């Protein structure tokens, strides 16, 4: 076998009955080897029991199907985590305590929050008090005391909440048959200076706003 590196993605449907896999469904996988190199086959349990492993199988295992990430998503940032926590805490209705707790732990690990106190109420409920390192705000979060088998489910919910859609691309402007030229010498000069990287008087408010944004980014 001369093939040293390859990636074979899991099929979204059973290679036998062609039914779609569902989340956490038990499935069987077999790797075969032939003239075209490795080939992957994914079966549901029913088809595996009926067909069995192909004759040229070199490896086989059992696993659970994991839904692929939704398309059109982007990587979340620390700001996204903090904003989600604020939205949930300040929104209408009872916030999901398990999600809030996990978000607070994520922000603590990112050194945005620092744990200041742990309290145990008379009813046995554990309360964790966090402080925002920059704003000094206090975050009082109930510890849901998640078990290991519950943690994965909560983490999946958090990941789904943080999977933000990509912004829609802006439509390209339609080309004009006769582009309008600057009508005055001052406009023409301003356009030329901006093209060369020089700010004009009318660009001063924009330049100041950009400088403030750059300073804020350095302080963050």
Protein backbone atom coordinates (compact mmCIF):
# COMPACT_ATOMS: atom_id res chain seq x y z
CA UNK A 1 0.00 0.00 0.00
CA UNK A 2 1.78 3.12 -1.23
CA UNK A 3 -0.88 5.62 -0.19
CA UNK A 4 0.49 7.33 2.93
CA UNK A 5 -2.04 10.11 3.44
CA UNK A 6 -5.68 10.57 2.53
CA UNK A 7 -8.93 11.93 3.92
CA UNK A 8 -12.19 10.09 3.37
CA UNK A 9 -15.24 11.95 4.57
CA UNK A 10 -18.16 10.15 6.16
CA UNK A 11 -21.12 9.66 3.86
CA UNK A 12 -24.32 11.46 4.81
CA UNK A 13 -26.41 8.53 3.57
CA UNK A 14 -26.09 4.79 3.99
CA UNK A 15 -24.18 3.24 1.08
CA UNK A 16 -26.62 0.31 1.15
CA UNK A 17 -30.20 1.56 1.51
CA UNK A 18 -29.33 5.23 0.76
CA UNK A 19 -31.26 6.46 3.78
CA UNK A 20 -29.96 9.61 5.47
CA UNK A 21 -28.11 9.18 8.72
CA UNK A 22 -29.48 10.98 11.76
CA UNK A 23 -27.63 12.54 14.70
CA UNK A 24 -26.05 9.96 17.05
CA UNK A 25 -27.24 7.08 14.86
CA UNK A 26 -25.10 3.97 15.15
CA UNK A 27 -23.32 3.23 11.90
CA UNK A 28 -20.64 0.90 10.54
CA UNK A 29 -17.65 1.98 8.48
CA UNK A 30 -15.35 -0.08 6.30
CA UNK A 31 -12.22 0.93 4.40
CA UNK A 32 -11.47 -1.06 1.27
CA UNK A 33 -8.34 -1.10 -0.89
CA UNK A 34 -8.28 -1.44 -4.65
CA UNK A 35 -6.86 -0.03 -7.86
CA UNK A 36 -8.15 3.46 -6.97
CA UNK A 37 -6.68 3.39 -3.47
CA UNK A 38 -8.74 3.57 -0.30
CA UNK A 39 -12.51 3.68 -0.56
CA UNK A 40 -14.83 4.32 2.38
CA UNK A 41 -18.20 2.64 2.86
CA UNK A 42 -20.70 3.65 5.55
CA UNK A 43 -23.62 1.39 6.43
CA UNK A 44 -26.51 1.65 8.83
CA UNK A 45 -26.74 -1.23 11.29
CA UNK A 46 -29.45 -2.94 9.23
CA UNK A 47 -27.45 -2.96 6.00
CA UNK A 48 -24.31 -4.05 7.83
CA UNK A 49 -26.16 -7.00 9.33
CA UNK A 50 -27.49 -7.89 5.88
CA UNK A 51 -24.42 -7.28 3.73
CA UNK A 52 -21.50 -7.54 6.13
CA UNK A 53 -18.04 -6.18 5.42
CA UNK A 54 -16.87 -6.17 1.77
CA UNK A 55 -14.34 -8.83 0.82
CA UNK A 56 -11.55 -6.31 0.23
CA UNK A 57 -12.02 -4.60 3.63
CA UNK A 58 -8.76 -3.63 5.31
CA UNK A 59 -10.30 -1.89 8.33
CA UNK A 60 -13.76 -1.65 9.90
CA UNK A 61 -15.27 -0.04 12.98
CA UNK A 62 -18.50 1.05 14.61
CA UNK A 63 -19.34 4.66 15.47
CA UNK A 64 -22.05 7.28 15.82
CA UNK A 65 -23.03 9.68 13.08
CA UNK A 66 -22.29 13.34 13.83
CA UNK A 67 -24.20 15.99 11.94
CA UNK A 68 -21.90 18.16 9.80
CA UNK A 69 -21.70 21.85 10.74
CA UNK A 70 -24.29 24.07 9.13
CA UNK A 71 -23.02 25.84 6.00
CA UNK A 72 -22.33 29.53 5.88
CA UNK A 73 -20.82 29.84 9.33
CA UNK A 74 -17.86 31.73 10.66
CA UNK A 75 -15.52 31.25 13.59
CA UNK A 76 -16.77 32.96 16.72
CA UNK A 77 -14.69 35.42 18.73
CA UNK A 78 -14.36 36.24 22.43
CA UNK A 79 -16.65 39.19 21.81
CA UNK A 80 -19.28 36.81 20.42
CA UNK A 81 -19.10 34.68 23.58
CA UNK A 82 -19.49 37.70 25.86
CA UNK A 83 -22.32 39.18 23.79
CA UNK A 84 -24.21 35.88 23.79
CA UNK A 85 -23.90 35.67 27.57
CA UNK A 86 -25.19 39.21 27.99
CA UNK A 87 -28.08 38.63 25.58
CA UNK A 88 -29.18 35.51 27.43
CA UNK A 89 -28.84 37.07 30.88
CA UNK A 90 -30.65 40.28 29.96
CA UNK A 91 -33.30 38.75 27.70
CA UNK A 92 -36.91 38.06 28.48
CA UNK A 93 -37.81 34.88 30.33
CA UNK A 94 -35.63 32.53 32.33
CA UNK A 95 -32.15 32.16 30.82
CA UNK A 96 -30.70 28.66 30.30
CA UNK A 97 -28.54 28.30 33.40
CA UNK A 98 -26.41 25.50 31.98
CA UNK A 99 -25.53 27.57 28.90
CA UNK A 100 -24.79 30.68 30.97
CA UNK A 101 -22.50 28.70 33.23
CA UNK A 102 -20.55 27.20 30.35
CA UNK A 103 -20.18 30.63 28.71
CA UNK A 104 -18.86 32.08 31.97
CA UNK A 105 -16.30 29.27 32.19
CA UNK A 106 -15.22 29.97 28.61
CA UNK A 107 -14.78 33.67 29.41
CA UNK A 108 -12.85 32.80 32.57
CA UNK A 109 -10.44 30.66 30.57
CA UNK A 110 -10.03 33.53 28.09
CA UNK A 111 -9.17 35.80 31.05
CA UNK A 112 -12.16 38.03 30.48
CA UNK A 113 -13.80 37.05 33.77
CA UNK A 114 -12.12 36.24 37.07
CA UNK A 115 -13.85 34.18 39.76
CA UNK A 116 -14.10 36.23 42.97
CA UNK A 117 -16.21 34.05 45.23
CA UNK A 118 -18.07 30.74 45.50
CA UNK A 119 -21.13 30.67 47.75
CA UNK A 120 -23.38 27.83 48.88
CA UNK A 121 -26.96 28.81 49.68
CA UNK A 122 -29.04 27.21 52.39
CA UNK A 123 -30.80 25.09 49.78
CA UNK A 124 -27.47 23.65 48.62
CA UNK A 125 -27.26 25.66 45.37
CA UNK A 126 -23.75 26.79 44.42
CA UNK A 127 -23.35 30.39 43.24
CA UNK A 128 -20.20 31.58 41.49
CA UNK A 129 -19.36 35.27 41.44
CA UNK A 130 -17.26 36.52 38.52
CA UNK A 131 -15.84 39.96 37.84
CA UNK A 132 -15.16 41.43 34.42
CA UNK A 133 -11.47 42.34 34.28
CA UNK A 134 -12.02 45.47 32.15
CA UNK A 135 -15.42 46.83 33.17
CA UNK A 136 -15.48 45.69 36.81
CA UNK A 137 -19.01 44.28 36.38
CA UNK A 138 -20.09 41.41 38.60
CA UNK A 139 -21.62 38.30 37.06
CA UNK A 140 -23.53 36.05 39.45
CA UNK A 141 -23.96 32.62 37.89
CA UNK A 142 -25.60 29.54 39.34
CA UNK A 143 -23.48 26.41 39.02
CA UNK A 144 -25.74 23.72 37.51
CA UNK A 145 -23.22 21.05 38.57
CA UNK A 146 -23.23 19.41 35.17
CA UNK A 147 -22.36 15.75 34.86
CA UNK A 148 -19.97 14.51 32.20
CA UNK A 149 -22.76 13.07 30.07
CA UNK A 150 -24.61 16.41 30.24
CA UNK A 151 -21.60 18.56 29.41
CA UNK A 152 -21.37 17.44 25.78
CA UNK A 153 -25.02 18.31 25.17
CA UNK A 154 -24.61 21.79 26.64
CA UNK A 155 -21.42 22.34 24.69
CA UNK A 156 -23.24 21.42 21.48
CA UNK A 157 -25.98 23.95 22.26
CA UNK A 158 -23.39 26.66 22.87
CA UNK A 159 -21.61 25.87 19.62
CA UNK A 160 -24.89 26.11 17.71
CA UNK A 161 -25.68 29.47 19.33
CA UNK A 162 -22.24 30.80 18.47
CA UNK A 163 -22.30 29.61 14.85
CA UNK A 164 -22.94 32.98 13.25
CA UNK A 165 -24.07 33.32 9.63
CA UNK A 166 -21.72 34.84 7.15
CA UNK A 167 -22.76 38.32 6.01
CA UNK A 168 -24.38 38.34 2.61
CA UNK A 169 -22.08 39.69 -0.08
CA UNK A 170 -22.90 43.17 -1.24
CA UNK A 171 -24.16 43.34 -4.82
CA UNK A 172 -21.64 44.67 -7.27
CA UNK A 173 -22.56 48.11 -8.63
CA UNK A 174 -23.66 48.16 -12.23
CA UNK A 175 -21.07 49.73 -14.52
CA UNK A 176 -21.99 53.12 -15.84
CA UNK A 177 -21.71 53.80 -19.52
CA UNK A 178 -20.30 57.29 -18.95
CA UNK A 179 -18.65 57.65 -15.52
CA UNK A 180 -19.10 61.05 -14.05
CA UNK A 181 -15.85 62.97 -13.62
CA UNK A 182 -15.26 65.37 -10.72
CA UNK A 183 -16.92 68.65 -11.62
CA UNK A 184 -14.59 70.95 -9.71
CA UNK A 185 -10.84 71.27 -9.33
CA UNK A 186 -11.07 70.80 -5.56
CA UNK A 187 -12.90 67.49 -5.96
CA UNK A 188 -10.38 66.34 -8.54
CA UNK A 189 -7.49 67.27 -6.26
CA UNK A 190 -9.10 65.52 -3.29
CA UNK A 191 -9.62 62.38 -5.33
CA UNK A 192 -5.99 62.42 -6.44
CA UNK A 193 -4.66 62.94 -2.92
CA UNK A 194 -6.82 60.17 -1.50
CA UNK A 195 -5.57 57.85 -4.20
CA UNK A 196 -2.00 58.68 -3.20
CA UNK A 197 -2.69 58.09 0.47
CA UNK A 198 -2.87 61.73 1.55
CA UNK A 199 -5.76 62.95 3.68
CA UNK A 200 -7.62 66.12 2.76
CA UNK A 201 -9.53 68.44 5.04
CA UNK A 202 -12.80 66.73 4.22
CA UNK A 203 -11.22 63.41 5.19
CA UNK A 204 -10.24 64.63 8.68
CA UNK A 205 -13.37 63.33 10.54
CA UNK A 206 -12.92 59.91 8.96
CA UNK A 207 -9.21 59.87 9.86
CA UNK A 208 -9.96 60.75 13.48
CA UNK A 209 -12.55 57.97 13.72
CA UNK A 210 -10.06 55.49 12.29
CA UNK A 211 -7.38 56.59 14.79
CA UNK A 212 -9.79 56.10 17.69
CA UNK A 213 -10.72 52.64 16.43
CA UNK A 214 -7.05 51.70 16.16
CA UNK A 215 -6.35 52.91 19.72
CA UNK A 216 -9.29 50.93 21.03
CA UNK A 217 -8.08 47.80 19.27
CA UNK A 218 -4.62 48.18 20.88
CA UNK A 219 -6.17 48.61 24.34
CA UNK A 220 -8.36 45.51 23.92
